[in-house]
Amino acid sequence: MKHAESRSEDGSAAVEFALILPVVLTLLLGAADLIRYMNTDRHVQNAARAAAQIVAGGVNSQGNIGQWLLVHGAANSARLMIPEIVSDAPGPWWTRLAWDGALVRFTPTVANCTQNCAYTARTRFAWGRYGCGDPIISPTQGAGATVSIPPGLVGPADLVVIRYAYAYKPRFAAALLPAINISHQATMSAEASALINPVNVVASDITICS
């Protein structure tokens, strides 16, 4: 009789374990995906900040900034600082990333103002890439584009604004969940209140697909 009860208890424990195990595994895999998502979000944020620093610091003494920094500086920063781009993408890494940038110039509302000035902001031009199959944003098309900037950065210096959007795909719940868009923006002042002038920027050359 005791042996029968023991076998019955063992059988119940096995059934309970079989029922609980999928739940435990689901929770563990969900936690792993959540941690990975948080890491990716931080990487995208850091990449945007690094790209803005690269472009803002690349202005020469004449205030000129070259095409390579505008186009490839942002793209290469993403590739280096968002490791998930290379490891997760089923195809070319840039198909999962959208990015754009803008140069914003402030003009005093009162001419020759030197103190406590009010400024009018205007986007000098914008550029970007939203995937190899999408239209290119040329500098001319981007002129006057709407850009959000923090109030504390309004001043005489030009601003560089970089935005990234990454289509994050959960590793373990990919069959159940769609891609999650992770987006971050970084804004940096140009060095020494420089007025940035883009040089040799050709719309047909704005590509990172080759």
C-alpha atoms as a PDB file:
ATOM      1  CA  MET A   1       0.000   0.000   0.000  1.00  0.00           C
ATOM      2  CA  LYS A   2       2.778   2.345   0.919  1.00  0.00           C
ATOM      3  CA  HIS A   3       4.538   1.555  -2.361  1.00  0.00           C
ATOM      4  CA  ALA A   4       1.372   2.414  -4.263  1.00  0.00           C
ATOM      5  CA  GLU A   5       1.067   5.749  -2.436  1.00  0.00           C
ATOM      6  CA  SER A   6       4.732   6.522  -3.127  1.00  0.00           C
ATOM      7  CA  ARG A   7       4.320   5.810  -6.828  1.00  0.00           C
ATOM      8  CA  SER A   8       1.197   7.983  -6.868  1.00  0.00           C
ATOM      9  CA  GLU A   9       3.060  10.889  -5.245  1.00  0.00           C
ATOM     10  CA  ASP A  10       5.972  10.502  -7.666  1.00  0.00           C
ATOM     11  CA  GLY A  11       3.555  10.549 -10.566  1.00  0.00           C
ATOM     12  CA  SER A  12       1.852  13.688  -9.261  1.00  0.00           C
ATOM     13  CA  ALA A  13       5.204  15.426  -8.828  1.00  0.00           C
ATOM     14  CA  ALA A  14       6.190  14.518 -12.388  1.00  0.00           C
ATOM     15  CA  VAL A  15       2.918  15.906 -13.745  1.00  0.00           C
ATOM     16  CA  GLU A  16       3.320  19.120 -11.741  1.00  0.00           C
ATOM     17  CA  PHE A  17       6.898  19.512 -12.968  1.00  0.00           C
ATOM     18  CA  ALA A  18       5.786  18.960 -16.568  1.00  0.00           C
ATOM     19  CA  LEU A  19       3.133  21.650 -16.155  1.00  0.00           C
ATOM     20  CA  ILE A  20       5.399  24.169 -14.435  1.00  0.00           C
ATOM     21  CA  LEU A  21       8.484  23.730 -16.650  1.00  0.00           C
ATOM     22  CA  PRO A  22       7.058  25.494 -19.765  1.00  0.00           C
ATOM     23  CA  VAL A  23       5.981  28.443 -17.614  1.00  0.00           C
ATOM     24  CA  VAL A  24       9.418  28.734 -16.009  1.00  0.00           C
ATOM     25  CA  LEU A  25      11.178  28.489 -19.382  1.00  0.00           C
ATOM     26  CA  THR A  26       8.857  31.117 -20.863  1.00  0.00           C
ATOM     27  CA  LEU A  27       9.615  33.498 -17.998  1.00  0.00           C
ATOM     28  CA  LEU A  28      13.371  32.927 -18.327  1.00  0.00           C
ATOM     29  CA  LEU A  29      13.367  33.492 -22.089  1.00  0.00           C
ATOM     30  CA  GLY A  30      11.143  36.550 -21.681  1.00  0.00           C
ATOM     31  CA  ALA A  31      13.547  37.988 -19.110  1.00  0.00           C
ATOM     32  CA  ALA A  32      16.479  37.345 -21.463  1.00  0.00           C
ATOM     33  CA  ASP A  33      14.686  39.169 -24.291  1.00  0.00           C
ATOM     34  CA  LEU A  34      13.853  42.087 -21.986  1.00  0.00           C
ATOM     35  CA  ILE A  35      17.473  42.465 -20.866  1.00  0.00           C
ATOM     36  CA  ARG A  36      18.608  42.279 -24.479  1.00  0.00           C
ATOM     37  CA  TYR A  37      16.060  44.940 -25.481  1.00  0.00           C
ATOM     38  CA  MET A  38      17.285  47.266 -22.710  1.00  0.00           C
ATOM     39  CA  ASN A  39      20.904  46.790 -23.826  1.00  0.00           C
ATOM     40  CA  THR A  40      19.990  47.504 -27.444  1.00  0.00           C
ATOM     41  CA  ASP A  41      18.090  50.640 -26.423  1.00  0.00           C
ATOM     42  CA  ARG A  42      21.185  51.881 -24.587  1.00  0.00           C
ATOM     43  CA  HIS A  43      23.402  51.076 -27.580  1.00  0.00           C
ATOM     44  CA  VAL A  44      21.150  53.057 -29.949  1.00  0.00           C
ATOM     45  CA  GLN A  45      21.188  56.022 -27.576  1.00  0.00           C
ATOM     46  CA  ASN A  46      24.992  55.923 -27.269  1.00  0.00           C
ATOM     47  CA  ALA A  47      25.405  55.603 -31.044  1.00  0.00           C
ATOM     48  CA  ALA A  48      23.281  58.704 -31.665  1.00  0.00           C
ATOM     49  CA  ARG A  49      25.331  60.669 -29.142  1.00  0.00           C
ATOM     50  CA  ALA A  50      28.634  59.485 -30.627  1.00  0.00           C
ATOM     51  CA  ALA A  51      27.561  60.323 -34.179  1.00  0.00           C
ATOM     52  CA  ALA A  52      26.465  63.822 -33.148  1.00  0.00           C
ATOM     53  CA  GLN A  53      29.840  64.362 -31.454  1.00  0.00           C
ATOM     54  CA  ILE A  54      31.708  63.138 -34.542  1.00  0.00           C
ATOM     55  CA  VAL A  55      29.848  65.462 -36.899  1.00  0.00           C
ATOM     56  CA  ALA A  56      29.826  68.483 -34.552  1.00  0.00           C
ATOM     57  CA  GLY A  57      33.553  68.099 -33.901  1.00  0.00           C
ATOM     58  CA  GLY A  58      34.424  67.680 -37.576  1.00  0.00           C
ATOM     59  CA  VAL A  59      33.949  71.318 -38.586  1.00  0.00           C
ATOM     60  CA  ASN A  60      37.149  72.892 -39.893  1.00  0.00           C
ATOM     61  CA  SER A  61      38.381  76.436 -39.259  1.00  0.00           C
ATOM     62  CA  GLN A  62      36.331  77.743 -42.184  1.00  0.00           C
ATOM     63  CA  GLY A  63      33.164  76.193 -40.771  1.00  0.00           C
ATOM     64  CA  ASN A  64      33.052  73.582 -43.533  1.00  0.00           C
ATOM     65  CA  ILE A  65      32.077  69.988 -42.991  1.00  0.00           C
ATOM     66  CA  GLY A  66      32.712  67.284 -45.565  1.00  0.00           C
ATOM     67  CA  GLN A  67      30.404  64.746 -47.124  1.00  0.00           C
ATOM     68  CA  TRP A  68      32.110  61.732 -45.537  1.00  0.00           C
ATOM     69  CA  LEU A  69      31.346  62.913 -41.997  1.00  0.00           C
ATOM     70  CA  LEU A  70      27.763  63.790 -42.824  1.00  0.00           C
ATOM     71  CA  VAL A  71      26.951  60.548 -44.573  1.00  0.00           C
ATOM     72  CA  HIS A  72      29.264  57.846 -43.289  1.00  0.00           C
ATOM     73  CA  GLY A  73      30.018  59.265 -39.841  1.00  0.00           C
ATOM     74  CA  ALA A  74      26.508  58.531 -38.620  1.00  0.00           C
ATOM     75  CA  ALA A  75      26.301  55.165 -40.368  1.00  0.00           C
ATOM     76  CA  ASN A  76      29.666  53.905 -39.119  1.00  0.00           C
ATOM     77  CA  SER A  77      28.912  55.039 -35.582  1.00  0.00           C
ATOM     78  CA  ALA A  78      25.781  52.893 -35.620  1.00  0.00           C
ATOM     79  CA  ARG A  79      27.596  49.865 -36.980  1.00  0.00           C
ATOM     80  CA  LEU A  80      30.306  50.078 -34.324  1.00  0.00           C
ATOM     81  CA  MET A  81      28.157  50.922 -31.310  1.00  0.00           C
ATOM     82  CA  ILE A  82      25.046  48.821 -31.929  1.00  0.00           C
ATOM     83  CA  PRO A  83      26.429  45.252 -32.095  1.00  0.00           C
ATOM     84  CA  GLU A  84      22.924  43.823 -32.478  1.00  0.00           C
ATOM     85  CA  ILE A  85      22.743  45.347 -35.967  1.00  0.00           C
ATOM     86  CA  VAL A  86      25.386  43.009 -37.347  1.00  0.00           C
ATOM     87  CA  SER A  87      24.473  39.915 -35.326  1.00  0.00           C
ATOM     88  CA  ASP A  88      20.691  40.051 -35.764  1.00  0.00           C
ATOM     89  CA  ALA A  89      20.115  41.267 -39.301  1.00  0.00           C
ATOM     90  CA  PRO A  90      19.069  38.440 -41.658  1.00  0.00           C
ATOM     91  CA  GLY A  91      20.487  40.460 -44.551  1.00  0.00           C
ATOM     92  CA  PRO A  92      22.643  43.607 -44.818  1.00  0.00           C
ATOM     93  CA  TRP A  93      22.810  45.345 -41.432  1.00  0.00           C
ATOM     94  CA  TRP A  94      21.646  48.712 -42.740  1.00  0.00           C
ATOM     95  CA  THR A  95      18.221  47.320 -43.692  1.00  0.00           C
ATOM     96  CA  ARG A  96      17.270  47.342 -39.988  1.00  0.00           C
ATOM     97  CA  LEU A  97      18.413  50.910 -39.325  1.00  0.00           C
ATOM     98  CA  ALA A  98      16.949  54.275 -40.279  1.00  0.00           C
ATOM     99  CA  TRP A  99      18.903  57.418 -39.504  1.00  0.00           C
ATOM    100  CA  ASP A 100      18.866  61.071 -40.337  1.00  0.00           C
ATOM    101  CA  GLY A 101      20.667  64.218 -39.351  1.00  0.00           C
ATOM    102  CA  ALA A 102      20.103  67.942 -39.530  1.00  0.00           C
ATOM    103  CA  LEU A 103      22.080  71.129 -39.122  1.00  0.00           C
ATOM    104  CA  VAL A 104      20.170  73.876 -37.305  1.00  0.00           C
ATOM    105  CA  ARG A 105      21.173  77.543 -37.404  1.00  0.00           C
ATOM    106  CA  PHE A 106      19.922  80.252 -35.042  1.00  0.00           C
ATOM    107  CA  THR A 107      19.503  83.865 -36.134  1.00  0.00           C
ATOM    108  CA  PRO A 108      18.935  86.681 -33.597  1.00  0.00           C
ATOM    109  CA  THR A 109      15.474  88.168 -33.992  1.00  0.00           C
ATOM    110  CA  VAL A 110      17.065  91.589 -33.422  1.00  0.00           C
ATOM    111  CA  ALA A 111      20.024  92.405 -35.673  1.00  0.00           C
ATOM    112  CA  ASN A 112      23.423  92.846 -33.977  1.00  0.00           C
ATOM    113  CA  CYS A 113      22.107  91.548 -30.652  1.00  0.00           C
ATOM    114  CA  THR A 114      24.909  90.488 -28.275  1.00  0.00           C
ATOM    115  CA  GLN A 115      23.202  89.805 -24.923  1.00  0.00           C
ATOM    116  CA  ASN A 116      19.961  88.114 -23.850  1.00  0.00           C
ATOM    117  CA  CYS A 117      19.086  87.529 -27.476  1.00  0.00           C
ATOM    118  CA  ALA A 118      16.016  85.778 -28.798  1.00  0.00           C
ATOM    119  CA  TYR A 119      16.696  83.470 -31.734  1.00  0.00           C
ATOM    120  CA  THR A 120      14.857  82.092 -34.717  1.00  0.00           C
ATOM    121  CA  ALA A 121      15.883  78.544 -35.638  1.00  0.00           C
ATOM    122  CA  ARG A 122      15.979  77.164 -39.157  1.00  0.00           C
ATOM    123  CA  THR A 123      17.155  73.836 -40.496  1.00  0.00           C
ATOM    124  CA  ARG A 124      19.908  74.530 -42.996  1.00  0.00           C
ATOM    125  CA  PHE A 125      19.638  71.080 -44.485  1.00  0.00           C
ATOM    126  CA  ALA A 126      18.953  67.499 -43.528  1.00  0.00           C
ATOM    127  CA  TRP A 127      20.184  64.171 -44.819  1.00  0.00           C
ATOM    128  CA  GLY A 128      19.484  60.559 -44.098  1.00  0.00           C
ATOM    129  CA  ARG A 129      18.929  56.976 -45.144  1.00  0.00           C
ATOM    130  CA  TYR A 130      15.890  54.836 -44.432  1.00  0.00           C
ATOM    131  CA  GLY A 131      16.973  51.581 -46.052  1.00  0.00           C
ATOM    132  CA  CYS A 132      18.407  50.709 -49.434  1.00  0.00           C
ATOM    133  CA  GLY A 133      15.018  50.527 -51.133  1.00  0.00           C
ATOM    134  CA  ASP A 134      13.793  53.880 -49.835  1.00  0.00           C
ATOM    135  CA  PRO A 135      14.287  57.329 -51.362  1.00  0.00           C
ATOM    136  CA  ILE A 136      17.367  59.245 -50.288  1.00  0.00           C
ATOM    137  CA  ILE A 137      16.885  62.482 -48.386  1.00  0.00           C
ATOM    138  CA  SER A 138      19.082  65.000 -50.163  1.00  0.00           C
ATOM    139  CA  PRO A 139      20.371  68.198 -48.509  1.00  0.00           C
ATOM    140  CA  THR A 140      18.083  70.325 -50.701  1.00  0.00           C
ATOM    141  CA  GLN A 141      14.982  68.307 -49.888  1.00  0.00           C
ATOM    142  CA  GLY A 142      15.800  68.490 -46.203  1.00  0.00           C
ATOM    143  CA  ALA A 143      16.134  72.271 -46.005  1.00  0.00           C
ATOM    144  CA  GLY A 144      13.562  73.686 -43.605  1.00  0.00           C
ATOM    145  CA  ALA A 145      12.703  70.271 -42.136  1.00  0.00           C
ATOM    146  CA  THR A 146      11.131  70.200 -38.684  1.00  0.00           C
ATOM    147  CA  VAL A 147      13.538  69.182 -35.907  1.00  0.00           C
ATOM    148  CA  SER A 148      12.928  69.066 -32.147  1.00  0.00           C
ATOM    149  CA  ILE A 149      15.707  70.535 -30.005  1.00  0.00           C
ATOM    150  CA  PRO A 150      16.072  71.023 -26.238  1.00  0.00           C
ATOM    151  CA  PRO A 151      15.348  74.646 -25.148  1.00  0.00           C
ATOM    152  CA  GLY A 152      18.649  74.913 -23.290  1.00  0.00           C
ATOM    153  CA  LEU A 153      20.652  74.555 -26.509  1.00  0.00           C
ATOM    154  CA  VAL A 154      19.206  77.625 -28.235  1.00  0.00           C
ATOM    155  CA  GLY A 155      22.066  80.026 -28.925  1.00  0.00           C
ATOM    156  CA  PRO A 156      24.482  81.433 -31.491  1.00  0.00           C
ATOM    157  CA  ALA A 157      26.159  78.135 -32.402  1.00  0.00           C
ATOM    158  CA  ASP A 158      24.916  75.767 -35.077  1.00  0.00           C
ATOM    159  CA  LEU A 159      23.472  72.506 -33.794  1.00  0.00           C
ATOM    160  CA  VAL A 160      23.938  68.992 -35.115  1.00  0.00           C
ATOM    161  CA  VAL A 161      20.939  66.710 -34.601  1.00  0.00           C
ATOM    162  CA  ILE A 162      21.258  62.956 -35.219  1.00  0.00           C
ATOM    163  CA  ARG A 163      18.332  60.526 -34.984  1.00  0.00           C
ATOM    164  CA  TYR A 164      18.435  56.739 -35.146  1.00  0.00           C
ATOM    165  CA  ALA A 165      15.565  54.280 -35.405  1.00  0.00           C
ATOM    166  CA  TYR A 166      16.345  50.572 -35.115  1.00  0.00           C
ATOM    167  CA  ALA A 167      13.883  47.736 -35.743  1.00  0.00           C
ATOM    168  CA  TYR A 168      14.597  45.482 -32.766  1.00  0.00           C
ATOM    169  CA  LYS A 169      13.498  41.882 -33.226  1.00  0.00           C
ATOM    170  CA  PRO A 170      13.081  39.729 -30.084  1.00  0.00           C
ATOM    171  CA  ARG A 171      15.246  36.641 -30.295  1.00  0.00           C
ATOM    172  CA  PHE A 172      13.038  34.145 -28.473  1.00  0.00           C
ATOM    173  CA  ALA A 173       9.616  35.671 -29.101  1.00  0.00           C
ATOM    174  CA  ALA A 174      10.217  36.568 -32.739  1.00  0.00           C
ATOM    175  CA  ALA A 175       7.362  34.335 -33.914  1.00  0.00           C
ATOM    176  CA  LEU A 176       4.914  35.995 -31.526  1.00  0.00           C
ATOM    177  CA  LEU A 177       5.957  39.653 -31.466  1.00  0.00           C
ATOM    178  CA  PRO A 178       6.569  42.121 -34.309  1.00  0.00           C
ATOM    179  CA  ALA A 179       9.747  44.179 -34.540  1.00  0.00           C
ATOM    180  CA  ILE A 180       9.924  46.910 -31.889  1.00  0.00           C
ATOM    181  CA  ASN A 181      11.091  50.343 -33.012  1.00  0.00           C
ATOM    182  CA  ILE A 182      13.863  51.829 -30.845  1.00  0.00           C
ATOM    183  CA  SER A 183      14.438  55.511 -31.559  1.00  0.00           C
ATOM    184  CA  HIS A 184      16.820  58.056 -30.033  1.00  0.00           C
ATOM    185  CA  GLN A 185      17.980  61.567 -30.869  1.00  0.00           C
ATOM    186  CA  ALA A 186      21.154  63.402 -29.841  1.00  0.00           C
ATOM    187  CA  THR A 187      21.881  67.121 -30.205  1.00  0.00           C
ATOM    188  CA  MET A 188      25.326  68.725 -30.034  1.00  0.00           C
ATOM    189  CA  SER A 189      26.581  72.288 -30.434  1.00  0.00           C
ATOM    190  CA  ALA A 190      29.183  72.879 -33.122  1.00  0.00           C
ATOM    191  CA  GLU A 191      32.680  73.675 -31.928  1.00  0.00           C
ATOM    192  CA  ALA A 192      33.476  77.329 -31.154  1.00  0.00           C
ATOM    193  CA  SER A 193      30.077  78.637 -32.261  1.00  0.00           C
ATOM    194  CA  ALA A 194      30.960  77.650 -35.798  1.00  0.00           C
ATOM    195  CA  LEU A 195      28.550  78.271 -38.649  1.00  0.00           C
ATOM    196  CA  ILE A 196      28.538  74.988 -40.503  1.00  0.00           C
ATOM    197  CA  ASN A 197      28.702  74.946 -44.282  1.00  0.00           C
ATOM    198  CA  PRO A 198      28.298  71.593 -46.052  1.00  0.00           C
ATOM    199  CA  VAL A 199      30.774  71.146 -48.887  1.00  0.00           C
ATOM    200  CA  ASN A 200      30.732  68.668 -51.772  1.00  0.00           C
ATOM    201  CA  VAL A 201      27.556  66.967 -50.595  1.00  0.00           C
ATOM    202  CA  VAL A 202      25.950  65.261 -53.578  1.00  0.00           C
ATOM    203  CA  ALA A 203      22.554  63.617 -53.138  1.00  0.00           C
ATOM    204  CA  SER A 204      23.421  60.649 -55.368  1.00  0.00           C
ATOM    205  CA  ASP A 205      26.401  59.842 -53.136  1.00  0.00           C
ATOM    206  CA  ILE A 206      24.385  59.592 -49.930  1.00  0.00           C
ATOM    207  CA  THR A 207      24.334  55.816 -49.662  1.00  0.00           C
ATOM    208  CA  ILE A 208      25.698  53.184 -47.326  1.00  0.00           C
ATOM    209  CA  CYS A 209      24.449  50.226 -49.340  1.00  0.00           C
ATOM    210  CA  SER A 210      27.563  49.441 -51.338  1.00  0.00           C
END
